[in-house]
Amino acid sequence: MPGPGTAWLDTVVASTVVSASGNSGVLTTPYSAQQMVVIASVTAYTSGTATFEVQWSFDGINFFSADQGTAGGTGTTQLKDTFANLAAVGTLYKVVPVRAPYYRVTWTTGAYTMNVQAGPAAPTASGNAAPDGFVLGATSFIGQLPAAGGAEYAPQFTYVPSTTLSAAYVQATPATMSSILAVPTIPGEVENMPINRMSLKLNVTANTWAVGAVFEVLWSFTGIAGSTWHGDPTDTFAGATAAFTSIKELVIKAPYFAIAITAGTPGSATFTADIAPTCL
């Protein structure tokens, strides 16, 4: 279970009187954290409803909401990294996976005073002695310099090249999925190191599906067409009928993966995907 343990809390948004929606600006995720805790406090309240959200970025410039898929294949969208609404003095506590090297906290308009604190909730994965998350540690161990801005391993943009899909996924039909690609590894001095989690940013630039296109990350043990399989509901993005960009953090389930549309009424959808390791 995640817990603060030996963690610390930093004030990432000092006491602020809110009169319009806003955000914290770019923040760097906590050192060596696989999960982080974010605590938003409304200390004085006049009117409005405060809704806080943690958003993510691979470059520190463009920020996007997380997407945790649909619950049990029912089409019901699970909660993103959004706090419960607060229309009174109070404190909200949320633990979120570290999905990217940068994050920010946003809030909605109203008349209230608030502050935000954050810190690591799970400094290391259970049973894993290596650093994890987007950290500066272990770089001498793997013989690689850290990327700018504090990310240990630089995101790989358009790792999934531009793909257009006009039909729902059919096993062994390559035209219904992206190319099958190897899960990235970390370059090492002796051999490449596997990862056990990765962050995937799906960039859907065009989407005309009549009923929401449900994008899903599929897995393969061989990398051969016909060998791709469903993982679990958390590997799906919420259905959409328009262009969107969203970030998802996933457990690695096989050495290879692909992206397909597994539900919806066909139209045409074009997308790429960027990825980055989040945990050794």
C-alpha atoms as a PDB file:
ATOM      1  CA  MET A   1       0.000   0.000   0.000  1.00  0.00           C
ATOM      2  CA  PRO A   2       1.335   3.470  -0.765  1.00  0.00           C
ATOM      3  CA  GLY A   3       2.160   5.637   2.182  1.00  0.00           C
ATOM      4  CA  PRO A   4       4.270   8.704   2.889  1.00  0.00           C
ATOM      5  CA  GLY A   5       6.809   6.661   4.912  1.00  0.00           C
ATOM      6  CA  THR A   6      10.035   8.642   4.894  1.00  0.00           C
ATOM      7  CA  ALA A   7       8.632  11.095   2.377  1.00  0.00           C
ATOM      8  CA  TRP A   8       8.335  14.851   2.706  1.00  0.00           C
ATOM      9  CA  LEU A   9       5.800  17.453   1.654  1.00  0.00           C
ATOM     10  CA  ASP A  10       6.671  20.565  -0.325  1.00  0.00           C
ATOM     11  CA  THR A  11       4.360  23.546  -0.692  1.00  0.00           C
ATOM     12  CA  VAL A  12       3.950  23.709  -4.469  1.00  0.00           C
ATOM     13  CA  VAL A  13       1.266  26.422  -4.421  1.00  0.00           C
ATOM     14  CA  ALA A  14       1.544  28.987  -1.630  1.00  0.00           C
ATOM     15  CA  SER A  15      -1.613  30.421  -0.068  1.00  0.00           C
ATOM     16  CA  THR A  16      -3.511  32.009  -2.964  1.00  0.00           C
ATOM     17  CA  VAL A  17      -6.728  34.022  -3.098  1.00  0.00           C
ATOM     18  CA  VAL A  18      -8.656  32.634  -6.065  1.00  0.00           C
ATOM     19  CA  SER A  19     -10.901  34.781  -8.251  1.00  0.00           C
ATOM     20  CA  ALA A  20     -10.381  32.945 -11.553  1.00  0.00           C
ATOM     21  CA  SER A  21      -9.304  29.529 -12.744  1.00  0.00           C
ATOM     22  CA  GLY A  22      -5.562  28.976 -12.766  1.00  0.00           C
ATOM     23  CA  ASN A  23      -2.677  26.576 -12.330  1.00  0.00           C
ATOM     24  CA  SER A  24       0.538  26.126 -10.398  1.00  0.00           C
ATOM     25  CA  GLY A  25       2.815  26.408 -13.413  1.00  0.00           C
ATOM     26  CA  VAL A  26       5.318  23.697 -14.315  1.00  0.00           C
ATOM     27  CA  LEU A  27       6.469  21.443 -11.451  1.00  0.00           C
ATOM     28  CA  THR A  28       8.977  18.574 -11.420  1.00  0.00           C
ATOM     29  CA  THR A  29       7.799  15.276 -10.002  1.00  0.00           C
ATOM     30  CA  PRO A  30       9.346  14.242  -6.649  1.00  0.00           C
ATOM     31  CA  TYR A  31      12.749  12.584  -6.675  1.00  0.00           C
ATOM     32  CA  SER A  32      12.593   8.779  -6.979  1.00  0.00           C
ATOM     33  CA  ALA A  33       8.798   8.592  -6.701  1.00  0.00           C
ATOM     34  CA  GLN A  34       6.621   6.020  -8.414  1.00  0.00           C
ATOM     35  CA  GLN A  35       3.536   7.532  -6.794  1.00  0.00           C
ATOM     36  CA  MET A  36       3.001  10.956  -5.277  1.00  0.00           C
ATOM     37  CA  VAL A  37       0.563  12.504  -2.864  1.00  0.00           C
ATOM     38  CA  VAL A  38      -1.080  15.855  -3.592  1.00  0.00           C
ATOM     39  CA  ILE A  39      -2.929  17.706  -0.825  1.00  0.00           C
ATOM     40  CA  ALA A  40      -5.184  20.628  -1.775  1.00  0.00           C
ATOM     41  CA  SER A  41      -6.573  22.773   1.044  1.00  0.00           C
ATOM     42  CA  VAL A  42      -9.271  25.450   0.919  1.00  0.00           C
ATOM     43  CA  THR A  43      -8.560  27.620   3.959  1.00  0.00           C
ATOM     44  CA  ALA A  44     -11.203  30.317   3.408  1.00  0.00           C
ATOM     45  CA  TYR A  45     -14.389  30.072   1.339  1.00  0.00           C
ATOM     46  CA  THR A  46     -16.915  32.578  -0.026  1.00  0.00           C
ATOM     47  CA  SER A  47     -18.430  31.070  -3.177  1.00  0.00           C
ATOM     48  CA  GLY A  48     -17.892  28.744  -6.122  1.00  0.00           C
ATOM     49  CA  THR A  49     -16.813  25.102  -6.316  1.00  0.00           C
ATOM     50  CA  ALA A  50     -13.115  24.304  -6.157  1.00  0.00           C
ATOM     51  CA  THR A  51     -12.118  21.449  -8.459  1.00  0.00           C
ATOM     52  CA  PHE A  52      -8.417  20.576  -8.506  1.00  0.00           C
ATOM     53  CA  GLU A  53      -6.698  18.386 -11.108  1.00  0.00           C
ATOM     54  CA  VAL A  54      -3.176  17.046 -11.574  1.00  0.00           C
ATOM     55  CA  GLN A  55      -2.112  17.345 -15.240  1.00  0.00           C
ATOM     56  CA  TRP A  56       1.010  15.940 -16.897  1.00  0.00           C
ATOM     57  CA  SER A  57       3.668  16.926 -19.426  1.00  0.00           C
ATOM     58  CA  PHE A  58       6.587  15.260 -21.206  1.00  0.00           C
ATOM     59  CA  ASP A  59       8.207  18.575 -22.173  1.00  0.00           C
ATOM     60  CA  GLY A  60       7.234  21.035 -19.418  1.00  0.00           C
ATOM     61  CA  ILE A  61       5.271  23.110 -21.949  1.00  0.00           C
ATOM     62  CA  ASN A  62       2.215  21.146 -23.090  1.00  0.00           C
ATOM     63  CA  PHE A  63       0.051  19.679 -20.325  1.00  0.00           C
ATOM     64  CA  PHE A  64      -2.652  17.023 -20.628  1.00  0.00           C
ATOM     65  CA  SER A  65      -5.183  15.260 -18.437  1.00  0.00           C
ATOM     66  CA  ALA A  66      -4.649  11.644 -17.497  1.00  0.00           C
ATOM     67  CA  ASP A  67      -6.994   8.951 -18.743  1.00  0.00           C
ATOM     68  CA  GLN A  68      -7.547   5.802 -16.706  1.00  0.00           C
ATOM     69  CA  GLY A  69      -9.827   4.078 -19.182  1.00  0.00           C
ATOM     70  CA  THR A  70     -13.276   2.592 -18.711  1.00  0.00           C
ATOM     71  CA  ALA A  71     -14.466   0.570 -15.755  1.00  0.00           C
ATOM     72  CA  GLY A  72     -14.831  -3.148 -16.457  1.00  0.00           C
ATOM     73  CA  GLY A  73     -15.573  -2.632 -20.134  1.00  0.00           C
ATOM     74  CA  THR A  74     -18.883  -0.941 -19.279  1.00  0.00           C
ATOM     75  CA  GLY A  75     -17.986   2.300 -21.042  1.00  0.00           C
ATOM     76  CA  THR A  76     -18.123   4.207 -17.744  1.00  0.00           C
ATOM     77  CA  THR A  77     -15.138   6.555 -17.602  1.00  0.00           C
ATOM     78  CA  GLN A  78     -13.034   6.114 -14.480  1.00  0.00           C
ATOM     79  CA  LEU A  79     -11.889   9.154 -12.568  1.00  0.00           C
ATOM     80  CA  LYS A  80      -8.949  11.061 -13.972  1.00  0.00           C
ATOM     81  CA  ASP A  81      -6.465  12.719 -11.608  1.00  0.00           C
ATOM     82  CA  THR A  82      -9.223  15.086 -10.482  1.00  0.00           C
ATOM     83  CA  PHE A  83     -10.118  15.756  -6.861  1.00  0.00           C
ATOM     84  CA  ALA A  84     -13.664  15.702  -5.514  1.00  0.00           C
ATOM     85  CA  ASN A  85     -15.443  19.054  -5.721  1.00  0.00           C
ATOM     86  CA  LEU A  86     -15.070  21.256  -2.651  1.00  0.00           C
ATOM     87  CA  ALA A  87     -17.498  24.083  -1.832  1.00  0.00           C
ATOM     88  CA  ALA A  88     -16.411  24.805   1.746  1.00  0.00           C
ATOM     89  CA  VAL A  89     -13.299  25.058   3.874  1.00  0.00           C
ATOM     90  CA  GLY A  90     -11.600  21.656   3.774  1.00  0.00           C
ATOM     91  CA  THR A  91      -8.677  19.515   2.641  1.00  0.00           C
ATOM     92  CA  LEU A  92      -8.495  16.959  -0.171  1.00  0.00           C
ATOM     93  CA  TYR A  93      -5.832  14.209  -0.269  1.00  0.00           C
ATOM     94  CA  LYS A  94      -5.043  12.232  -3.427  1.00  0.00           C
ATOM     95  CA  VAL A  95      -2.366   9.677  -4.371  1.00  0.00           C
ATOM     96  CA  VAL A  96      -1.584   9.532  -8.111  1.00  0.00           C
ATOM     97  CA  PRO A  97       0.920   7.493 -10.178  1.00  0.00           C
ATOM     98  CA  VAL A  98       3.839   9.507 -11.522  1.00  0.00           C
ATOM     99  CA  ARG A  99       2.902   9.637 -15.201  1.00  0.00           C
ATOM    100  CA  ALA A 100       5.456  12.087 -16.663  1.00  0.00           C
ATOM    101  CA  PRO A 101       8.523  14.115 -15.650  1.00  0.00           C
ATOM    102  CA  TYR A 102       6.493  17.312 -15.194  1.00  0.00           C
ATOM    103  CA  TYR A 103       3.122  18.087 -13.660  1.00  0.00           C
ATOM    104  CA  ARG A 104       0.957  20.999 -12.616  1.00  0.00           C
ATOM    105  CA  VAL A 105      -2.099  21.449 -10.405  1.00  0.00           C
ATOM    106  CA  THR A 106      -5.074  23.320 -11.850  1.00  0.00           C
ATOM    107  CA  TRP A 107      -8.091  24.805 -10.075  1.00  0.00           C
ATOM    108  CA  THR A 108     -11.457  26.231 -11.072  1.00  0.00           C
ATOM    109  CA  THR A 109     -12.815  29.730 -10.577  1.00  0.00           C
ATOM    110  CA  GLY A 110     -14.604  30.901  -7.431  1.00  0.00           C
ATOM    111  CA  ALA A 111     -13.944  33.051  -4.387  1.00  0.00           C
ATOM    112  CA  TYR A 112     -11.777  31.107  -1.964  1.00  0.00           C
ATOM    113  CA  THR A 113      -8.251  30.866  -0.565  1.00  0.00           C
ATOM    114  CA  MET A 114      -6.251  27.699  -1.094  1.00  0.00           C
ATOM    115  CA  ASN A 115      -2.802  26.088  -1.045  1.00  0.00           C
ATOM    116  CA  VAL A 116      -1.342  22.840  -2.400  1.00  0.00           C
ATOM    117  CA  GLN A 117       1.325  20.511  -1.022  1.00  0.00           C
ATOM    118  CA  ALA A 118       2.935  17.504  -2.725  1.00  0.00           C
ATOM    119  CA  GLY A 119       5.502  14.809  -2.028  1.00  0.00           C
ATOM    120  CA  PRO A 120       6.452  11.206  -2.831  1.00  0.00           C
ATOM    121  CA  ALA A 121       4.002   8.566  -1.605  1.00  0.00           C
ATOM    122  CA  ALA A 122       5.837   5.410  -2.715  1.00  0.00           C
ATOM    123  CA  PRO A 123       9.565   6.121  -3.108  1.00  0.00           C
ATOM    124  CA  THR A 124      10.326   2.647  -4.522  1.00  0.00           C
ATOM    125  CA  ALA A 125       8.361  -0.249  -5.937  1.00  0.00           C
ATOM    126  CA  SER A 126       7.769  -3.179  -3.617  1.00  0.00           C
ATOM    127  CA  GLY A 127      10.630  -5.659  -3.843  1.00  0.00           C
ATOM    128  CA  ASN A 128      12.599  -3.453  -6.242  1.00  0.00           C
ATOM    129  CA  ALA A 129      15.818  -1.962  -4.917  1.00  0.00           C
ATOM    130  CA  ALA A 130      16.414   0.175  -7.999  1.00  0.00           C
ATOM    131  CA  PRO A 131      15.199   3.783  -8.175  1.00  0.00           C
ATOM    132  CA  ASP A 132      11.996   4.226 -10.094  1.00  0.00           C
ATOM    133  CA  GLY A 133       9.838   6.985 -11.472  1.00  0.00           C
ATOM    134  CA  PHE A 134      11.286  10.009 -13.258  1.00  0.00           C
ATOM    135  CA  VAL A 135      14.385  10.508 -11.131  1.00  0.00           C
ATOM    136  CA  LEU A 136      18.023  11.588 -11.278  1.00  0.00           C
ATOM    137  CA  GLY A 137      19.348   8.583  -9.290  1.00  0.00           C
ATOM    138  CA  ALA A 138      20.866   5.422 -10.942  1.00  0.00           C
ATOM    139  CA  THR A 139      22.248   7.275 -13.976  1.00  0.00           C
ATOM    140  CA  SER A 140      25.796   6.249 -13.168  1.00  0.00           C
ATOM    141  CA  PHE A 141      24.509   2.679 -12.757  1.00  0.00           C
ATOM    142  CA  ILE A 142      23.140   2.550 -16.281  1.00  0.00           C
ATOM    143  CA  GLY A 143      25.878   4.694 -17.802  1.00  0.00           C
ATOM    144  CA  GLN A 144      23.517   7.326 -19.170  1.00  0.00           C
ATOM    145  CA  LEU A 145      23.197  11.049 -18.534  1.00  0.00           C
ATOM    146  CA  PRO A 146      19.835  12.295 -17.282  1.00  0.00           C
ATOM    147  CA  ALA A 147      17.579  14.189 -19.629  1.00  0.00           C
ATOM    148  CA  ALA A 148      17.071  17.905 -19.112  1.00  0.00           C
ATOM    149  CA  GLY A 149      14.588  18.939 -16.480  1.00  0.00           C
ATOM    150  CA  GLY A 150      15.118  16.016 -14.117  1.00  0.00           C
ATOM    151  CA  ALA A 151      13.785  13.095 -16.136  1.00  0.00           C
ATOM    152  CA  GLU A 152      16.078  10.111 -15.857  1.00  0.00           C
ATOM    153  CA  TYR A 153      15.145   8.745 -19.279  1.00  0.00           C
ATOM    154  CA  ALA A 154      14.075  11.086 -22.050  1.00  0.00           C
ATOM    155  CA  PRO A 155      10.592  10.484 -23.494  1.00  0.00           C
ATOM    156  CA  GLN A 156      10.589   8.986 -26.988  1.00  0.00           C
ATOM    157  CA  PHE A 157       8.270  10.993 -29.188  1.00  0.00           C
ATOM    158  CA  THR A 158       6.226   9.331 -31.977  1.00  0.00           C
ATOM    159  CA  TYR A 159       7.483   5.944 -30.772  1.00  0.00           C
ATOM    160  CA  VAL A 160       4.253   4.673 -32.309  1.00  0.00           C
ATOM    161  CA  PRO A 161       4.356   6.244 -35.808  1.00  0.00           C
ATOM    162  CA  SER A 162       1.382   7.910 -37.449  1.00  0.00           C
ATOM    163  CA  THR A 163      -1.402   5.353 -37.890  1.00  0.00           C
ATOM    164  CA  THR A 164      -4.918   5.640 -39.317  1.00  0.00           C
ATOM    165  CA  LEU A 165      -7.549   3.081 -38.317  1.00  0.00           C
ATOM    166  CA  SER A 166     -10.986   2.735 -39.924  1.00  0.00           C
ATOM    167  CA  ALA A 167     -12.141  -0.513 -38.332  1.00  0.00           C
ATOM    168  CA  ALA A 168     -12.314  -2.017 -34.869  1.00  0.00           C
ATOM    169  CA  TYR A 169      -9.571  -4.423 -33.786  1.00  0.00           C
ATOM    170  CA  VAL A 170      -9.588  -7.933 -35.253  1.00  0.00           C
ATOM    171  CA  GLN A 171      -7.000 -10.448 -34.075  1.00  0.00           C
ATOM    172  CA  ALA A 172      -4.440 -11.321 -36.802  1.00  0.00           C
ATOM    173  CA  THR A 173      -5.591  -8.418 -39.032  1.00  0.00           C
ATOM    174  CA  PRO A 174      -2.683  -5.939 -39.134  1.00  0.00           C
ATOM    175  CA  ALA A 175      -4.793  -3.174 -40.703  1.00  0.00           C
ATOM    176  CA  THR A 176      -6.818  -2.910 -37.486  1.00  0.00           C
ATOM    177  CA  MET A 177      -3.899  -2.009 -35.213  1.00  0.00           C
ATOM    178  CA  SER A 178      -0.736   0.022 -35.154  1.00  0.00           C
ATOM    179  CA  SER A 179       2.635  -1.580 -35.780  1.00  0.00           C
ATOM    180  CA  ILE A 180       3.688  -3.987 -33.019  1.00  0.00           C
ATOM    181  CA  LEU A 181       6.664  -2.457 -31.242  1.00  0.00           C
ATOM    182  CA  ALA A 182       9.055  -3.594 -28.552  1.00  0.00           C
ATOM    183  CA  VAL A 183       8.601  -2.070 -25.133  1.00  0.00           C
ATOM    184  CA  PRO A 184      11.558   0.315 -24.689  1.00  0.00           C
ATOM    185  CA  THR A 185      14.510  -0.759 -22.576  1.00  0.00           C
ATOM    186  CA  ILE A 186      17.092   1.339 -20.760  1.00  0.00           C
ATOM    187  CA  PRO A 187      20.544   1.355 -22.424  1.00  0.00           C
ATOM    188  CA  GLY A 188      23.112  -0.134 -20.046  1.00  0.00           C
ATOM    189  CA  GLU A 189      26.867  -0.547 -19.963  1.00  0.00           C
ATOM    190  CA  VAL A 190      26.620  -4.346 -20.312  1.00  0.00           C
ATOM    191  CA  GLU A 191      23.061  -5.051 -21.408  1.00  0.00           C
ATOM    192  CA  ASN A 192      19.811  -3.208 -21.813  1.00  0.00           C
ATOM    193  CA  MET A 193      17.620  -3.090 -18.723  1.00  0.00           C
ATOM    194  CA  PRO A 194      13.897  -3.937 -18.865  1.00  0.00           C
ATOM    195  CA  ILE A 195      11.304  -1.626 -17.367  1.00  0.00           C
ATOM    196  CA  ASN A 196       8.138  -2.606 -15.525  1.00  0.00           C
ATOM    197  CA  ARG A 197       6.009   0.506 -16.083  1.00  0.00           C
ATOM    198  CA  MET A 198       5.750   3.135 -18.801  1.00  0.00           C
ATOM    199  CA  SER A 199       3.827   6.313 -19.500  1.00  0.00           C
ATOM    200  CA  LEU A 200       2.076   6.531 -22.874  1.00  0.00           C
ATOM    201  CA  LYS A 201       0.771   9.790 -24.354  1.00  0.00           C
ATOM    202  CA  LEU A 202      -1.796   9.152 -27.073  1.00  0.00           C
ATOM    203  CA  ASN A 203      -2.037  11.948 -29.659  1.00  0.00           C
ATOM    204  CA  VAL A 204      -5.251  11.567 -31.690  1.00  0.00           C
ATOM    205  CA  THR A 205      -5.065  14.245 -34.384  1.00  0.00           C
ATOM    206  CA  ALA A 206      -8.227  13.299 -36.315  1.00  0.00           C
ATOM    207  CA  ASN A 207     -11.227  11.245 -35.245  1.00  0.00           C
ATOM    208  CA  THR A 208     -14.565  10.851 -37.024  1.00  0.00           C
ATOM    209  CA  TRP A 209     -15.892   7.686 -35.356  1.00  0.00           C
ATOM    210  CA  ALA A 210     -19.671   8.035 -34.991  1.00  0.00           C
ATOM    211  CA  VAL A 211     -19.733   6.304 -31.605  1.00  0.00           C
ATOM    212  CA  GLY A 212     -16.735   6.857 -29.369  1.00  0.00           C
ATOM    213  CA  ALA A 213     -13.525   5.203 -30.532  1.00  0.00           C
ATOM    214  CA  VAL A 214     -12.098   3.309 -27.548  1.00  0.00           C
ATOM    215  CA  PHE A 215      -8.319   3.127 -27.947  1.00  0.00           C
ATOM    216  CA  GLU A 216      -6.584   0.263 -26.175  1.00  0.00           C
ATOM    217  CA  VAL A 217      -2.985  -0.822 -25.605  1.00  0.00           C
ATOM    218  CA  LEU A 218      -2.619  -4.477 -26.662  1.00  0.00           C
ATOM    219  CA  TRP A 219       0.220  -6.800 -25.638  1.00  0.00           C
ATOM    220  CA  SER A 220       2.268  -9.495 -27.364  1.00  0.00           C
ATOM    221  CA  PHE A 221       4.889 -12.004 -26.253  1.00  0.00           C
ATOM    222  CA  THR A 222       6.247 -12.588 -29.773  1.00  0.00           C
ATOM    223  CA  GLY A 223       5.777  -9.335 -31.702  1.00  0.00           C
ATOM    224  CA  ILE A 224       4.069 -11.244 -34.516  1.00  0.00           C
ATOM    225  CA  ALA A 225       0.698 -10.264 -35.996  1.00  0.00           C
ATOM    226  CA  GLY A 226      -1.949 -12.557 -34.570  1.00  0.00           C
ATOM    227  CA  SER A 227      -0.271 -12.657 -31.174  1.00  0.00           C
ATOM    228  CA  THR A 228      -1.748  -9.488 -29.668  1.00  0.00           C
ATOM    229  CA  TRP A 229      -4.019  -9.764 -26.645  1.00  0.00           C
ATOM    230  CA  HIS A 230      -6.096  -7.589 -24.365  1.00  0.00           C
ATOM    231  CA  GLY A 231      -4.662  -6.703 -20.950  1.00  0.00           C
ATOM    232  CA  ASP A 232      -7.172  -5.281 -18.498  1.00  0.00           C
ATOM    233  CA  PRO A 233      -9.651  -2.371 -18.495  1.00  0.00           C
ATOM    234  CA  THR A 234      -7.021   0.106 -17.288  1.00  0.00           C
ATOM    235  CA  ASP A 235      -5.266  -0.291 -20.663  1.00  0.00           C
ATOM    236  CA  THR A 236      -8.133   1.465 -22.477  1.00  0.00           C
ATOM    237  CA  PHE A 237      -8.695   5.159 -23.071  1.00  0.00           C
ATOM    238  CA  ALA A 238     -12.163   6.639 -22.646  1.00  0.00           C
ATOM    239  CA  GLY A 239     -14.192   6.596 -25.865  1.00  0.00           C
ATOM    240  CA  ALA A 240     -14.069   9.754 -27.984  1.00  0.00           C
ATOM    241  CA  THR A 241     -15.542  11.052 -31.242  1.00  0.00           C
ATOM    242  CA  ALA A 242     -13.080  13.926 -31.730  1.00  0.00           C
ATOM    243  CA  ALA A 243      -9.357  14.572 -31.606  1.00  0.00           C
ATOM    244  CA  PHE A 244      -7.770  14.443 -28.142  1.00  0.00           C
ATOM    245  CA  THR A 245      -4.488  13.951 -26.300  1.00  0.00           C
ATOM    246  CA  SER A 246      -4.269  12.039 -23.033  1.00  0.00           C
ATOM    247  CA  ILE A 247      -1.632  10.380 -20.853  1.00  0.00           C
ATOM    248  CA  LYS A 248      -1.874   6.915 -19.314  1.00  0.00           C
ATOM    249  CA  GLU A 249       0.622   5.125 -17.047  1.00  0.00           C
ATOM    250  CA  LEU A 250       0.713   1.352 -17.531  1.00  0.00           C
ATOM    251  CA  VAL A 251       2.133  -1.819 -16.055  1.00  0.00           C
ATOM    252  CA  ILE A 252       4.279  -3.608 -18.668  1.00  0.00           C
ATOM    253  CA  LYS A 253       2.554  -6.920 -19.378  1.00  0.00           C
ATOM    254  CA  ALA A 254       4.631  -8.310 -22.284  1.00  0.00           C
ATOM    255  CA  PRO A 255       7.759  -7.481 -24.330  1.00  0.00           C
ATOM    256  CA  TYR A 256       5.758  -6.005 -27.245  1.00  0.00           C
ATOM    257  CA  PHE A 257       2.705  -3.772 -27.591  1.00  0.00           C
ATOM    258  CA  ALA A 258       0.416  -2.186 -30.175  1.00  0.00           C
ATOM    259  CA  ILE A 259      -2.500   0.252 -30.141  1.00  0.00           C
ATOM    260  CA  ALA A 260      -5.912  -0.525 -31.597  1.00  0.00           C
ATOM    261  CA  ILE A 261      -9.496   0.728 -31.436  1.00  0.00           C
ATOM    262  CA  THR A 262     -11.464  -2.017 -29.718  1.00  0.00           C
ATOM    263  CA  ALA A 263     -14.956  -0.502 -29.531  1.00  0.00           C
ATOM    264  CA  GLY A 264     -17.058   2.147 -31.239  1.00  0.00           C
ATOM    265  CA  THR A 265     -18.768   2.715 -34.588  1.00  0.00           C
ATOM    266  CA  PRO A 266     -16.080   2.936 -37.283  1.00  0.00           C
ATOM    267  CA  GLY A 267     -15.074   6.161 -38.934  1.00  0.00           C
ATOM    268  CA  SER A 268     -11.466   7.206 -39.339  1.00  0.00           C
ATOM    269  CA  ALA A 269      -8.935   8.020 -36.606  1.00  0.00           C
ATOM    270  CA  THR A 270      -5.301   9.066 -36.974  1.00  0.00           C
ATOM    271  CA  PHE A 271      -2.878   8.977 -34.055  1.00  0.00           C
ATOM    272  CA  THR A 272       0.696   8.704 -32.821  1.00  0.00           C
ATOM    273  CA  ALA A 273       1.993   7.817 -29.348  1.00  0.00           C
ATOM    274  CA  ASP A 274       4.894   9.048 -27.237  1.00  0.00           C
ATOM    275  CA  ILE A 275       6.293   6.911 -24.429  1.00  0.00           C
ATOM    276  CA  ALA A 276       8.697   7.083 -21.512  1.00  0.00           C
ATOM    277  CA  PRO A 277       9.736   4.569 -18.834  1.00  0.00           C
ATOM    278  CA  THR A 278       8.428   5.380 -15.372  1.00  0.00           C
ATOM    279  CA  CYS A 279       9.762   2.505 -13.282  1.00  0.00           C
ATOM    280  CA  LEU A 280      12.719   0.133 -13.576  1.00  0.00           C
END
